[in-house]
Amino acid sequence: MDDIVLLGMNHKTALVELRECLAFSHEETLAALDKFKASPAISEVLVISTCNRIEVLMAAANTPTALET
């Protein structure tokens, strides 16, 4: 059974400078999704990047390997 892994930050948990460094453009979101999908440790992934938050939600068979991706 896969683990559900959520990585994220928002305007309450991270400074704007850090969020700006990690914000995804449309092209970067597509590239990140391709990289995540290529990992055998990740079966599903969702990337949300807005002006106030960045979240990556994934289903992972092997959480440590998925987090290295």
N, C-alpha and C. Protein backbone atom coordinates (compact mmCIF):
# COMPACT_ATOMS: atom_id res chain seq x y z
N MET A 1 0.84 -1.18 0.00
CA MET A 1 0.00 0.00 0.00
C MET A 1 0.89 1.25 0.00
N ASP A 2 0.48 2.23 -0.78
CA ASP A 2 1.25 3.47 -0.88
C ASP A 2 1.02 4.36 0.33
N ASP A 3 2.06 5.13 0.66
CA ASP A 3 1.94 6.19 1.66
C ASP A 3 1.45 7.45 0.94
N ILE A 4 0.73 8.29 1.65
CA ILE A 4 0.37 9.61 1.14
C ILE A 4 1.36 10.60 1.73
N VAL A 5 2.03 11.35 0.86
CA VAL A 5 3.07 12.29 1.28
C VAL A 5 2.66 13.69 0.84
N LEU A 6 2.68 14.63 1.75
CA LEU A 6 2.36 16.02 1.43
C LEU A 6 3.52 16.90 1.87
N LEU A 7 4.08 17.62 0.91
CA LEU A 7 5.13 18.60 1.19
C LEU A 7 4.57 19.95 0.80
N GLY A 8 4.74 20.93 1.65
CA GLY A 8 4.21 22.22 1.29
C GLY A 8 4.63 23.34 2.21
N MET A 9 4.37 24.52 1.72
CA MET A 9 4.59 25.73 2.51
C MET A 9 3.60 26.77 2.04
N ASN A 10 3.33 27.72 2.91
CA ASN A 10 2.40 28.79 2.55
C ASN A 10 2.87 30.10 3.17
N HIS A 11 2.07 31.13 3.02
CA HIS A 11 2.45 32.45 3.50
C HIS A 11 2.56 32.52 5.02
N LYS A 12 2.02 31.53 5.73
CA LYS A 12 2.13 31.51 7.18
C LYS A 12 3.35 30.74 7.67
N THR A 13 3.90 29.87 6.83
CA THR A 13 4.99 29.00 7.27
C THR A 13 6.34 29.33 6.65
N ALA A 14 6.36 30.19 5.63
CA ALA A 14 7.63 30.49 4.95
C ALA A 14 7.64 31.94 4.49
N LEU A 15 8.80 32.53 4.53
CA LEU A 15 8.97 33.90 4.06
C LEU A 15 8.73 33.97 2.55
N VAL A 16 8.30 35.12 2.08
CA VAL A 16 8.02 35.30 0.66
C VAL A 16 9.25 35.01 -0.19
N GLU A 17 10.44 35.33 0.29
CA GLU A 17 11.67 35.09 -0.47
C GLU A 17 11.86 33.60 -0.75
N LEU A 18 11.58 32.77 0.23
CA LEU A 18 11.70 31.32 0.04
C LEU A 18 10.61 30.82 -0.91
N ARG A 19 9.40 31.28 -0.75
CA ARG A 19 8.30 30.86 -1.63
C ARG A 19 8.58 31.27 -3.07
N GLU A 20 9.16 32.45 -3.27
CA GLU A 20 9.49 32.90 -4.62
C GLU A 20 10.54 32.00 -5.26
N CYS A 21 11.50 31.54 -4.47
CA CYS A 21 12.55 30.64 -4.99
C CYS A 21 11.98 29.29 -5.40
N LEU A 22 10.95 28.85 -4.71
CA LEU A 22 10.39 27.52 -4.95
C LEU A 22 9.11 27.53 -5.79
N ALA A 23 8.63 28.68 -6.17
CA ALA A 23 7.40 28.76 -6.97
C ALA A 23 7.63 28.12 -8.34
N PHE A 24 6.62 27.43 -8.85
CA PHE A 24 6.69 26.76 -10.15
C PHE A 24 5.97 27.60 -11.20
N SER A 25 6.62 27.82 -12.34
CA SER A 25 5.91 28.37 -13.50
C SER A 25 5.15 27.20 -14.14
N HIS A 26 4.35 27.49 -15.14
CA HIS A 26 3.62 26.42 -15.83
C HIS A 26 4.58 25.38 -16.40
N GLU A 27 5.64 25.86 -17.07
CA GLU A 27 6.61 24.96 -17.68
C GLU A 27 7.35 24.15 -16.61
N GLU A 28 7.70 24.78 -15.51
CA GLU A 28 8.38 24.07 -14.42
C GLU A 28 7.47 23.04 -13.77
N THR A 29 6.19 23.34 -13.70
CA THR A 29 5.23 22.37 -13.15
C THR A 29 5.19 21.13 -14.02
N LEU A 30 5.11 21.32 -15.34
CA LEU A 30 5.09 20.18 -16.26
C LEU A 30 6.37 19.36 -16.17
N ALA A 31 7.51 20.04 -16.08
CA ALA A 31 8.79 19.33 -15.96
C ALA A 31 8.86 18.55 -14.65
N ALA A 32 8.39 19.16 -13.57
CA ALA A 32 8.40 18.47 -12.27
C ALA A 32 7.49 17.26 -12.30
N LEU A 33 6.32 17.39 -12.90
CA LEU A 33 5.40 16.25 -13.01
C LEU A 33 6.04 15.11 -13.79
N ASP A 34 6.73 15.44 -14.89
CA ASP A 34 7.41 14.40 -15.66
C ASP A 34 8.47 13.70 -14.83
N LYS A 35 9.23 14.47 -14.05
CA LYS A 35 10.27 13.87 -13.21
C LYS A 35 9.65 12.97 -12.14
N PHE A 36 8.59 13.44 -11.50
CA PHE A 36 7.93 12.62 -10.48
C PHE A 36 7.35 11.35 -11.10
N LYS A 37 6.72 11.46 -12.28
CA LYS A 37 6.10 10.30 -12.92
C LYS A 37 7.15 9.27 -13.33
N ALA A 38 8.37 9.71 -13.59
CA ALA A 38 9.44 8.79 -13.99
C ALA A 38 9.97 7.97 -12.83
N SER A 39 9.69 8.38 -11.61
CA SER A 39 10.17 7.66 -10.43
C SER A 39 9.29 6.46 -10.15
N PRO A 40 9.88 5.25 -10.07
CA PRO A 40 9.07 4.07 -9.75
C PRO A 40 8.51 4.11 -8.33
N ALA A 41 9.05 4.96 -7.47
CA ALA A 41 8.58 5.06 -6.09
C ALA A 41 7.29 5.86 -5.97
N ILE A 42 6.93 6.61 -7.02
CA ILE A 42 5.76 7.49 -6.97
C ILE A 42 4.72 7.00 -7.96
N SER A 43 3.52 6.71 -7.45
CA SER A 43 2.46 6.24 -8.34
C SER A 43 1.51 7.35 -8.77
N GLU A 44 1.37 8.38 -7.96
CA GLU A 44 0.51 9.52 -8.30
C GLU A 44 1.11 10.78 -7.72
N VAL A 45 0.89 11.91 -8.39
CA VAL A 45 1.44 13.17 -7.89
C VAL A 45 0.56 14.34 -8.32
N LEU A 46 0.49 15.34 -7.45
CA LEU A 46 -0.23 16.58 -7.72
C LEU A 46 0.65 17.73 -7.25
N VAL A 47 0.87 18.71 -8.12
CA VAL A 47 1.65 19.90 -7.77
C VAL A 47 0.72 21.10 -7.81
N ILE A 48 0.69 21.86 -6.72
CA ILE A 48 -0.09 23.09 -6.65
C ILE A 48 0.88 24.23 -6.33
N SER A 49 0.90 25.22 -7.19
CA SER A 49 1.78 26.37 -6.97
C SER A 49 0.97 27.63 -7.23
N THR A 50 0.72 28.39 -6.16
CA THR A 50 -0.01 29.65 -6.28
C THR A 50 0.86 30.76 -5.70
N CYS A 51 0.32 31.95 -5.66
CA CYS A 51 1.09 33.06 -5.10
C CYS A 51 1.30 32.91 -3.59
N ASN A 52 0.46 32.15 -2.92
CA ASN A 52 0.56 32.01 -1.46
C ASN A 52 1.05 30.66 -0.97
N ARG A 53 1.08 29.66 -1.86
CA ARG A 53 1.46 28.34 -1.37
C ARG A 53 2.04 27.47 -2.47
N ILE A 54 2.82 26.50 -2.05
CA ILE A 54 3.37 25.47 -2.92
C ILE A 54 3.14 24.15 -2.21
N GLU A 55 2.52 23.20 -2.92
CA GLU A 55 2.28 21.89 -2.33
C GLU A 55 2.57 20.81 -3.36
N VAL A 56 3.15 19.73 -2.89
CA VAL A 56 3.33 18.53 -3.69
C VAL A 56 2.70 17.39 -2.90
N LEU A 57 1.70 16.77 -3.48
CA LEU A 57 0.99 15.66 -2.86
C LEU A 57 1.27 14.43 -3.71
N MET A 58 1.72 13.35 -3.07
CA MET A 58 2.03 12.15 -3.85
C MET A 58 1.64 10.88 -3.12
N ALA A 59 1.41 9.85 -3.90
CA ALA A 59 1.25 8.49 -3.39
C ALA A 59 2.56 7.79 -3.68
N ALA A 60 3.20 7.27 -2.63
CA ALA A 60 4.54 6.72 -2.78
C ALA A 60 4.63 5.34 -2.16
N ALA A 61 5.16 4.40 -2.93
CA ALA A 61 5.38 3.05 -2.42
C ALA A 61 6.59 3.03 -1.49
N ASN A 62 7.53 3.92 -1.74
CA ASN A 62 8.75 4.01 -0.95
C ASN A 62 8.98 5.49 -0.63
N THR A 63 8.55 5.92 0.52
CA THR A 63 8.60 7.34 0.86
C THR A 63 10.01 7.92 0.84
N PRO A 64 11.03 7.28 1.44
CA PRO A 64 12.37 7.87 1.39
C PRO A 64 12.87 8.06 -0.05
N THR A 65 12.64 7.10 -0.92
CA THR A 65 13.06 7.23 -2.31
C THR A 65 12.27 8.33 -3.01
N ALA A 66 10.98 8.41 -2.74
CA ALA A 66 10.15 9.45 -3.35
C ALA A 66 10.62 10.84 -2.93
N LEU A 67 11.02 10.99 -1.69
CA LEU A 67 11.47 12.30 -1.20
C LEU A 67 12.81 12.70 -1.79
N GLU A 68 13.58 11.75 -2.29
CA GLU A 68 14.85 12.06 -2.94
C GLU A 68 14.65 12.54 -4.37
N THR A 69 13.46 12.30 -4.94
CA THR A 69 13.19 12.63 -6.34
C THR A 69 13.15 14.12 -6.56
